[in-house]
Amino acid sequence: MATHSAIALAHLRPGYSVVFSRPIYGGTNGLYTGLMPAFGVAHAEFTDGCDRASIEAAVEEALSHGPLKLIVIETPANPTA
């Protein structure tokens, strides 16, 4: 969590967006869906990292909210794998 938090706080500003893979560690999910939106950072998610269209759709959604500054991929997802 320290690493994810440091990266997010160093690179994300109000009006920016982030894309992340699902499933993802619960604390990381909370960071990007709870804390960062409070700072004006939008997010989009994708569930199939092998499906290019799924990733591109998440990127397009994120871009509709502002510049995409971060893509987070966690595999295998902790603690589900």
PDB file of N, CA and C in Angstrom:
ATOM      1  N   MET A   1       0.815  -1.180   0.000  1.00  0.00           N
ATOM      2  CA  MET A   1       0.000   0.000   0.000  1.00  0.00           C
ATOM      3  C   MET A   1       0.864   1.251   0.000  1.00  0.00           C
ATOM      4  N   ALA A   2       1.981   1.187   0.661  1.00  0.00           N
ATOM      5  CA  ALA A   2       2.860   2.354   0.664  1.00  0.00           C
ATOM      6  C   ALA A   2       3.312   2.694  -0.753  1.00  0.00           C
ATOM      7  N   THR A   3       3.642   1.677  -1.525  1.00  0.00           N
ATOM      8  CA  THR A   3       4.085   1.905  -2.896  1.00  0.00           C
ATOM      9  C   THR A   3       2.964   2.476  -3.755  1.00  0.00           C
ATOM     10  N   HIS A   4       1.782   1.849  -3.690  1.00  0.00           N
ATOM     11  CA  HIS A   4       0.652   2.354  -4.479  1.00  0.00           C
ATOM     12  C   HIS A   4       0.304   3.786  -4.073  1.00  0.00           C
ATOM     13  N   SER A   5       0.283   4.053  -2.783  1.00  0.00           N
ATOM     14  CA  SER A   5      -0.063   5.396  -2.304  1.00  0.00           C
ATOM     15  C   SER A   5       0.969   6.425  -2.749  1.00  0.00           C
ATOM     16  N   ALA A   6       2.244   6.080  -2.630  1.00  0.00           N
ATOM     17  CA  ALA A   6       3.300   7.016  -3.030  1.00  0.00           C
ATOM     18  C   ALA A   6       3.226   7.326  -4.518  1.00  0.00           C
ATOM     19  N   ILE A   7       3.006   6.296  -5.334  1.00  0.00           N
ATOM     20  CA  ILE A   7       2.909   6.508  -6.783  1.00  0.00           C
ATOM     21  C   ILE A   7       1.698   7.373  -7.108  1.00  0.00           C
ATOM     22  N   ALA A   8       0.546   7.042  -6.512  1.00  0.00           N
ATOM     23  CA  ALA A   8      -0.679   7.806  -6.785  1.00  0.00           C
ATOM     24  C   ALA A   8      -0.514   9.266  -6.380  1.00  0.00           C
ATOM     25  N   LEU A   9      -0.005   9.505  -5.192  1.00  0.00           N
ATOM     26  CA  LEU A   9       0.118  10.880  -4.715  1.00  0.00           C
ATOM     27  C   LEU A   9       1.191  11.662  -5.463  1.00  0.00           C
ATOM     28  N   ALA A  10       2.182  10.973  -5.996  1.00  0.00           N
ATOM     29  CA  ALA A  10       3.236  11.654  -6.751  1.00  0.00           C
ATOM     30  C   ALA A  10       2.810  12.007  -8.172  1.00  0.00           C
ATOM     31  N   HIS A  11       1.927  11.194  -8.762  1.00  0.00           N
ATOM     32  CA  HIS A  11       1.643  11.355 -10.189  1.00  0.00           C
ATOM     33  C   HIS A  11       0.228  11.776 -10.545  1.00  0.00           C
ATOM     34  N   LEU A  12      -0.699  11.694  -9.618  1.00  0.00           N
ATOM     35  CA  LEU A  12      -2.092  12.016  -9.933  1.00  0.00           C
ATOM     36  C   LEU A  12      -2.494  13.349  -9.317  1.00  0.00           C
ATOM     37  N   ARG A  13      -3.155  14.164 -10.099  1.00  0.00           N
ATOM     38  CA  ARG A  13      -3.632  15.483  -9.670  1.00  0.00           C
ATOM     39  C   ARG A  13      -5.121  15.597  -9.992  1.00  0.00           C
ATOM     40  N   PRO A  14      -5.813  16.556  -9.390  1.00  0.00           N
ATOM     41  CA  PRO A  14      -7.233  16.742  -9.730  1.00  0.00           C
ATOM     42  C   PRO A  14      -7.416  16.895 -11.235  1.00  0.00           C
ATOM     43  N   GLY A  15      -8.413  16.184 -11.766  1.00  0.00           N
ATOM     44  CA  GLY A  15      -8.675  16.220 -13.198  1.00  0.00           C
ATOM     45  C   GLY A  15      -8.017  15.103 -13.976  1.00  0.00           C
ATOM     46  N   TYR A  16      -7.087  14.371 -13.354  1.00  0.00           N
ATOM     47  CA  TYR A  16      -6.435  13.249 -14.004  1.00  0.00           C
ATOM     48  C   TYR A  16      -7.290  11.997 -13.837  1.00  0.00           C
ATOM     49  N   SER A  17      -6.890  10.932 -14.527  1.00  0.00           N
ATOM     50  CA  SER A  17      -7.593   9.661 -14.385  1.00  0.00           C
ATOM     51  C   SER A  17      -6.596   8.508 -14.305  1.00  0.00           C
ATOM     52  N   VAL A  18      -7.085   7.382 -13.798  1.00  0.00           N
ATOM     53  CA  VAL A  18      -6.304   6.168 -13.632  1.00  0.00           C
ATOM     54  C   VAL A  18      -7.148   4.986 -14.115  1.00  0.00           C
ATOM     55  N   VAL A  19      -6.496   3.981 -14.674  1.00  0.00           N
ATOM     56  CA  VAL A  19      -7.136   2.734 -15.077  1.00  0.00           C
ATOM     57  C   VAL A  19      -6.495   1.624 -14.258  1.00  0.00           C
ATOM     58  N   PHE A  20      -7.313   0.692 -13.768  1.00  0.00           N
ATOM     59  CA  PHE A  20      -6.740  -0.451 -13.075  1.00  0.00           C
ATOM     60  C   PHE A  20      -7.483  -1.732 -13.401  1.00  0.00           C
ATOM     61  N   SER A  21      -6.756  -2.843 -13.217  1.00  0.00           N
ATOM     62  CA  SER A  21      -7.308  -4.166 -13.490  1.00  0.00           C
ATOM     63  C   SER A  21      -8.110  -4.649 -12.295  1.00  0.00           C
ATOM     64  N   ARG A  22      -9.065  -5.519 -12.592  1.00  0.00           N
ATOM     65  CA  ARG A  22      -9.866  -6.174 -11.553  1.00  0.00           C
ATOM     66  C   ARG A  22      -9.724  -7.665 -11.729  1.00  0.00           C
ATOM     67  N   PRO A  23      -9.672  -8.473 -10.697  1.00  0.00           N
ATOM     68  CA  PRO A  23      -9.710  -8.071  -9.301  1.00  0.00           C
ATOM     69  C   PRO A  23      -8.385  -7.446  -8.882  1.00  0.00           C
ATOM     70  N   ILE A  24      -8.431  -6.686  -7.813  1.00  0.00           N
ATOM     71  CA  ILE A  24      -7.247  -6.013  -7.285  1.00  0.00           C
ATOM     72  C   ILE A  24      -7.336  -6.041  -5.758  1.00  0.00           C
ATOM     73  N   TYR A  25      -6.214  -5.943  -5.107  1.00  0.00           N
ATOM     74  CA  TYR A  25      -6.169  -5.947  -3.648  1.00  0.00           C
ATOM     75  C   TYR A  25      -7.139  -4.906  -3.094  1.00  0.00           C
ATOM     76  N   GLY A  26      -7.858  -5.259  -2.032  1.00  0.00           N
ATOM     77  CA  GLY A  26      -8.885  -4.389  -1.468  1.00  0.00           C
ATOM     78  C   GLY A  26      -8.387  -3.016  -1.066  1.00  0.00           C
ATOM     79  N   GLY A  27      -7.210  -2.933  -0.508  1.00  0.00           N
ATOM     80  CA  GLY A  27      -6.657  -1.637  -0.121  1.00  0.00           C
ATOM     81  C   GLY A  27      -6.362  -0.760  -1.330  1.00  0.00           C
ATOM     82  N   THR A  28      -5.864  -1.376  -2.377  1.00  0.00           N
ATOM     83  CA  THR A  28      -5.594  -0.645  -3.617  1.00  0.00           C
ATOM     84  C   THR A  28      -6.904  -0.176  -4.239  1.00  0.00           C
ATOM     85  N   ASN A  29      -7.905  -1.050  -4.209  1.00  0.00           N
ATOM     86  CA  ASN A  29      -9.228  -0.667  -4.697  1.00  0.00           C
ATOM     87  C   ASN A  29      -9.744   0.553  -3.939  1.00  0.00           C
ATOM     88  N   GLY A  30      -9.618   0.543  -2.636  1.00  0.00           N
ATOM     89  CA  GLY A  30     -10.057   1.677  -1.820  1.00  0.00           C
ATOM     90  C   GLY A  30      -9.313   2.959  -2.148  1.00  0.00           C
ATOM     91  N   LEU A  31      -8.036   2.832  -2.439  1.00  0.00           N
ATOM     92  CA  LEU A  31      -7.234   4.004  -2.803  1.00  0.00           C
ATOM     93  C   LEU A  31      -7.773   4.655  -4.070  1.00  0.00           C
ATOM     94  N   TYR A  32      -8.024   3.820  -5.106  1.00  0.00           N
ATOM     95  CA  TYR A  32      -8.417   4.365  -6.400  1.00  0.00           C
ATOM     96  C   TYR A  32      -9.908   4.621  -6.556  1.00  0.00           C
ATOM     97  N   THR A  33     -10.740   3.987  -5.723  1.00  0.00           N
ATOM     98  CA  THR A  33     -12.191   4.214  -5.832  1.00  0.00           C
ATOM     99  C   THR A  33     -12.749   5.075  -4.710  1.00  0.00           C
ATOM    100  N   GLY A  34     -11.986   5.256  -3.647  1.00  0.00           N
ATOM    101  CA  GLY A  34     -12.462   6.037  -2.511  1.00  0.00           C
ATOM    102  C   GLY A  34     -11.648   7.294  -2.262  1.00  0.00           C
ATOM    103  N   LEU A  35     -10.370   7.109  -1.999  1.00  0.00           N
ATOM    104  CA  LEU A  35      -9.518   8.245  -1.624  1.00  0.00           C
ATOM    105  C   LEU A  35      -9.210   9.171  -2.796  1.00  0.00           C
ATOM    106  N   MET A  36      -8.741   8.618  -3.904  1.00  0.00           N
ATOM    107  CA  MET A  36      -8.333   9.485  -5.014  1.00  0.00           C
ATOM    108  C   MET A  36      -9.499  10.256  -5.632  1.00  0.00           C
ATOM    109  N   PRO A  37     -10.713   9.692  -5.725  1.00  0.00           N
ATOM    110  CA  PRO A  37     -11.832  10.510  -6.208  1.00  0.00           C
ATOM    111  C   PRO A  37     -12.102  11.721  -5.312  1.00  0.00           C
ATOM    112  N   ALA A  38     -11.821  11.594  -4.021  1.00  0.00           N
ATOM    113  CA  ALA A  38     -11.981  12.738  -3.112  1.00  0.00           C
ATOM    114  C   ALA A  38     -11.001  13.859  -3.460  1.00  0.00           C
ATOM    115  N   PHE A  39      -9.918  13.510  -4.156  1.00  0.00           N
ATOM    116  CA  PHE A  39      -8.934  14.488  -4.614  1.00  0.00           C
ATOM    117  C   PHE A  39      -9.170  14.878  -6.073  1.00  0.00           C
ATOM    118  N   GLY A  40     -10.301  14.438  -6.640  1.00  0.00           N
ATOM    119  CA  GLY A  40     -10.642  14.820  -8.010  1.00  0.00           C
ATOM    120  C   GLY A  40     -10.054  13.943  -9.087  1.00  0.00           C
ATOM    121  N   VAL A  41      -9.629  12.726  -8.726  1.00  0.00           N
ATOM    122  CA  VAL A  41      -9.044  11.800  -9.688  1.00  0.00           C
ATOM    123  C   VAL A  41     -10.093  10.745 -10.055  1.00  0.00           C
ATOM    124  N   ALA A  42     -10.390  10.611 -11.353  1.00  0.00           N
ATOM    125  CA  ALA A  42     -11.366   9.634 -11.831  1.00  0.00           C
ATOM    126  C   ALA A  42     -10.690   8.294 -12.081  1.00  0.00           C
ATOM    127  N   HIS A  43     -11.499   7.240 -12.186  1.00  0.00           N
ATOM    128  CA  HIS A  43     -10.943   5.920 -12.462  1.00  0.00           C
ATOM    129  C   HIS A  43     -11.842   5.142 -13.417  1.00  0.00           C
ATOM    130  N   ALA A  44     -11.244   4.165 -14.069  1.00  0.00           N
ATOM    131  CA  ALA A  44     -11.957   3.197 -14.894  1.00  0.00           C
ATOM    132  C   ALA A  44     -11.275   1.854 -14.656  1.00  0.00           C
ATOM    133  N   GLU A  45     -12.022   0.774 -14.890  1.00  0.00           N
ATOM    134  CA  GLU A  45     -11.523  -0.558 -14.572  1.00  0.00           C
ATOM    135  C   GLU A  45     -11.742  -1.507 -15.745  1.00  0.00           C
ATOM    136  N   PHE A  46     -10.908  -2.544 -15.818  1.00  0.00           N
ATOM    137  CA  PHE A  46     -11.126  -3.628 -16.778  1.00  0.00           C
ATOM    138  C   PHE A  46     -10.902  -4.951 -16.061  1.00  0.00           C
ATOM    139  N   THR A  47     -11.592  -5.990 -16.518  1.00  0.00           N
ATOM    140  CA  THR A  47     -11.498  -7.287 -15.844  1.00  0.00           C
ATOM    141  C   THR A  47     -10.755  -8.342 -16.653  1.00  0.00           C
ATOM    142  N   ASP A  48     -10.607  -8.136 -17.927  1.00  0.00           N
ATOM    143  CA  ASP A  48      -9.943  -9.132 -18.763  1.00  0.00           C
ATOM    144  C   ASP A  48      -8.704  -8.530 -19.404  1.00  0.00           C
ATOM    145  N   GLY A  49      -7.560  -8.771 -18.784  1.00  0.00           N
ATOM    146  CA  GLY A  49      -6.308  -8.221 -19.289  1.00  0.00           C
ATOM    147  C   GLY A  49      -5.834  -8.849 -20.582  1.00  0.00           C
ATOM    148  N   CYS A  50      -6.493  -9.908 -21.029  1.00  0.00           N
ATOM    149  CA  CYS A  50      -6.158 -10.538 -22.302  1.00  0.00           C
ATOM    150  C   CYS A  50      -7.053 -10.049 -23.434  1.00  0.00           C
ATOM    151  N   ASP A  51      -8.023  -9.218 -23.091  1.00  0.00           N
ATOM    152  CA  ASP A  51      -8.972  -8.702 -24.079  1.00  0.00           C
ATOM    153  C   ASP A  51      -8.638  -7.243 -24.375  1.00  0.00           C
ATOM    154  N   ARG A  52      -8.004  -7.042 -25.505  1.00  0.00           N
ATOM    155  CA  ARG A  52      -7.567  -5.695 -25.883  1.00  0.00           C
ATOM    156  C   ARG A  52      -8.729  -4.702 -25.896  1.00  0.00           C
ATOM    157  N   ALA A  53      -9.882  -5.128 -26.386  1.00  0.00           N
ATOM    158  CA  ALA A  53     -11.044  -4.243 -26.456  1.00  0.00           C
ATOM    159  C   ALA A  53     -11.492  -3.810 -25.063  1.00  0.00           C
ATOM    160  N   SER A  54     -11.397  -4.709 -24.094  1.00  0.00           N
ATOM    161  CA  SER A  54     -11.770  -4.380 -22.713  1.00  0.00           C
ATOM    162  C   SER A  54     -10.846  -3.310 -22.136  1.00  0.00           C
ATOM    163  N   ILE A  55      -9.569  -3.470 -22.386  1.00  0.00           N
ATOM    164  CA  ILE A  55      -8.590  -2.486 -21.896  1.00  0.00           C
ATOM    165  C   ILE A  55      -8.784  -1.149 -22.599  1.00  0.00           C
ATOM    166  N   GLU A  56      -8.957  -1.180 -23.906  1.00  0.00           N
ATOM    167  CA  GLU A  56      -9.157   0.057 -24.667  1.00  0.00           C
ATOM    168  C   GLU A  56     -10.427   0.783 -24.225  1.00  0.00           C
ATOM    169  N   ALA A  57     -11.480   0.036 -23.907  1.00  0.00           N
ATOM    170  CA  ALA A  57     -12.718   0.660 -23.427  1.00  0.00           C
ATOM    171  C   ALA A  57     -12.488   1.363 -22.090  1.00  0.00           C
ATOM    172  N   ALA A  58     -11.729   0.726 -21.197  1.00  0.00           N
ATOM    173  CA  ALA A  58     -11.421   1.351 -19.911  1.00  0.00           C
ATOM    174  C   ALA A  58     -10.574   2.602 -20.106  1.00  0.00           C
ATOM    175  N   VAL A  59      -9.623   2.536 -21.023  1.00  0.00           N
ATOM    176  CA  VAL A  59      -8.783   3.706 -21.312  1.00  0.00           C
ATOM    177  C   VAL A  59      -9.636   4.849 -21.858  1.00  0.00           C
ATOM    178  N   GLU A  60     -10.528   4.541 -22.780  1.00  0.00           N
ATOM    179  CA  GLU A  60     -11.407   5.581 -23.344  1.00  0.00           C
ATOM    180  C   GLU A  60     -12.302   6.188 -22.263  1.00  0.00           C
ATOM    181  N   GLU A  61     -12.832   5.336 -21.382  1.00  0.00           N
ATOM    182  CA  GLU A  61     -13.654   5.852 -20.288  1.00  0.00           C
ATOM    183  C   GLU A  61     -12.851   6.785 -19.398  1.00  0.00           C
ATOM    184  N   ALA A  62     -11.639   6.377 -19.041  1.00  0.00           N
ATOM    185  CA  ALA A  62     -10.783   7.212 -18.197  1.00  0.00           C
ATOM    186  C   ALA A  62     -10.468   8.536 -18.884  1.00  0.00           C
ATOM    187  N   LEU A  63     -10.144   8.473 -20.164  1.00  0.00           N
ATOM    188  CA  LEU A  63      -9.812   9.688 -20.908  1.00  0.00           C
ATOM    189  C   LEU A  63     -10.990  10.656 -20.998  1.00  0.00           C
ATOM    190  N   SER A  64     -12.196  10.123 -20.918  1.00  0.00           N
ATOM    191  CA  SER A  64     -13.366  11.006 -20.962  1.00  0.00           C
ATOM    192  C   SER A  64     -13.478  11.857 -19.701  1.00  0.00           C
ATOM    193  N   HIS A  65     -12.743  11.474 -18.660  1.00  0.00           N
ATOM    194  CA  HIS A  65     -12.759  12.222 -17.394  1.00  0.00           C
ATOM    195  C   HIS A  65     -11.543  13.119 -17.223  1.00  0.00           C
ATOM    196  N   GLY A  66     -10.537  12.930 -18.061  1.00  0.00           N
ATOM    197  CA  GLY A  66      -9.323  13.737 -17.953  1.00  0.00           C
ATOM    198  C   GLY A  66      -8.124  12.950 -18.432  1.00  0.00           C
ATOM    199  N   PRO A  67      -6.962  13.577 -18.438  1.00  0.00           N
ATOM    200  CA  PRO A  67      -5.750  12.902 -18.904  1.00  0.00           C
ATOM    201  C   PRO A  67      -5.481  11.621 -18.114  1.00  0.00           C
ATOM    202  N   LEU A  68      -5.176  10.545 -18.812  1.00  0.00           N
ATOM    203  CA  LEU A  68      -4.840   9.272 -18.183  1.00  0.00           C
ATOM    204  C   LEU A  68      -3.373   9.311 -17.790  1.00  0.00           C
ATOM    205  N   LYS A  69      -3.113   9.217 -16.502  1.00  0.00           N
ATOM    206  CA  LYS A  69      -1.741   9.331 -16.014  1.00  0.00           C
ATOM    207  C   LYS A  69      -1.180   8.050 -15.433  1.00  0.00           C
ATOM    208  N   LEU A  70      -2.048   7.037 -15.207  1.00  0.00           N
ATOM    209  CA  LEU A  70      -1.558   5.833 -14.548  1.00  0.00           C
ATOM    210  C   LEU A  70      -2.416   4.633 -14.948  1.00  0.00           C
ATOM    211  N   ILE A  71      -1.747   3.525 -15.271  1.00  0.00           N
ATOM    212  CA  ILE A  71      -2.411   2.249 -15.503  1.00  0.00           C
ATOM    213  C   ILE A  71      -1.818   1.259 -14.505  1.00  0.00           C
ATOM    214  N   VAL A  72      -2.685   0.654 -13.699  1.00  0.00           N
ATOM    215  CA  VAL A  72      -2.257  -0.265 -12.641  1.00  0.00           C
ATOM    216  C   VAL A  72      -2.751  -1.664 -12.972  1.00  0.00           C
ATOM    217  N   ILE A  73      -1.822  -2.615 -13.024  1.00  0.00           N
ATOM    218  CA  ILE A  73      -2.171  -4.009 -13.277  1.00  0.00           C
ATOM    219  C   ILE A  73      -1.570  -4.846 -12.162  1.00  0.00           C
ATOM    220  N   GLU A  74      -2.413  -5.660 -11.539  1.00  0.00           N
ATOM    221  CA  GLU A  74      -1.958  -6.544 -10.475  1.00  0.00           C
ATOM    222  C   GLU A  74      -2.284  -7.978 -10.874  1.00  0.00           C
ATOM    223  N   THR A  75      -1.269  -8.800 -10.995  1.00  0.00           N
ATOM    224  CA  THR A  75      -1.484 -10.189 -11.330  1.00  0.00           C
ATOM    225  C   THR A  75      -0.405 -11.045 -10.671  1.00  0.00           C
ATOM    226  N   PRO A  76      -0.735 -12.125 -10.012  1.00  0.00           N
ATOM    227  CA  PRO A  76      -2.113 -12.503  -9.707  1.00  0.00           C
ATOM    228  C   PRO A  76      -2.672 -11.567  -8.650  1.00  0.00           C
ATOM    229  N   ALA A  77      -3.971 -11.406  -8.664  1.00  0.00           N
ATOM    230  CA  ALA A  77      -4.613 -10.495  -7.738  1.00  0.00           C
ATOM    231  C   ALA A  77      -4.537 -11.049  -6.316  1.00  0.00           C
ATOM    232  N   ASN A  78      -4.088 -10.263  -5.408  1.00  0.00           N
ATOM    233  CA  ASN A  78      -3.977 -10.647  -4.002  1.00  0.00           C
ATOM    234  C   ASN A  78      -5.258 -10.259  -3.285  1.00  0.00           C
ATOM    235  N   PRO A  79      -5.878 -11.045  -2.523  1.00  0.00           N
ATOM    236  CA  PRO A  79      -5.566 -12.429  -2.155  1.00  0.00           C
ATOM    237  C   PRO A  79      -6.421 -13.438  -2.883  1.00  0.00           C
ATOM    238  N   THR A  80      -6.934 -13.122  -4.069  1.00  0.00           N
ATOM    239  CA  THR A  80      -7.896 -14.000  -4.734  1.00  0.00           C
ATOM    240  C   THR A  80      -7.240 -15.120  -5.531  1.00  0.00           C
ATOM    241  N   ALA A  81      -5.956 -15.045  -5.793  1.00  0.00           N
ATOM    242  CA  ALA A  81      -5.328 -16.088  -6.619  1.00  0.00           C
ATOM    243  C   ALA A  81      -4.457 -16.983  -5.788  1.00  0.00           C
TER     244      ALA A  81
END
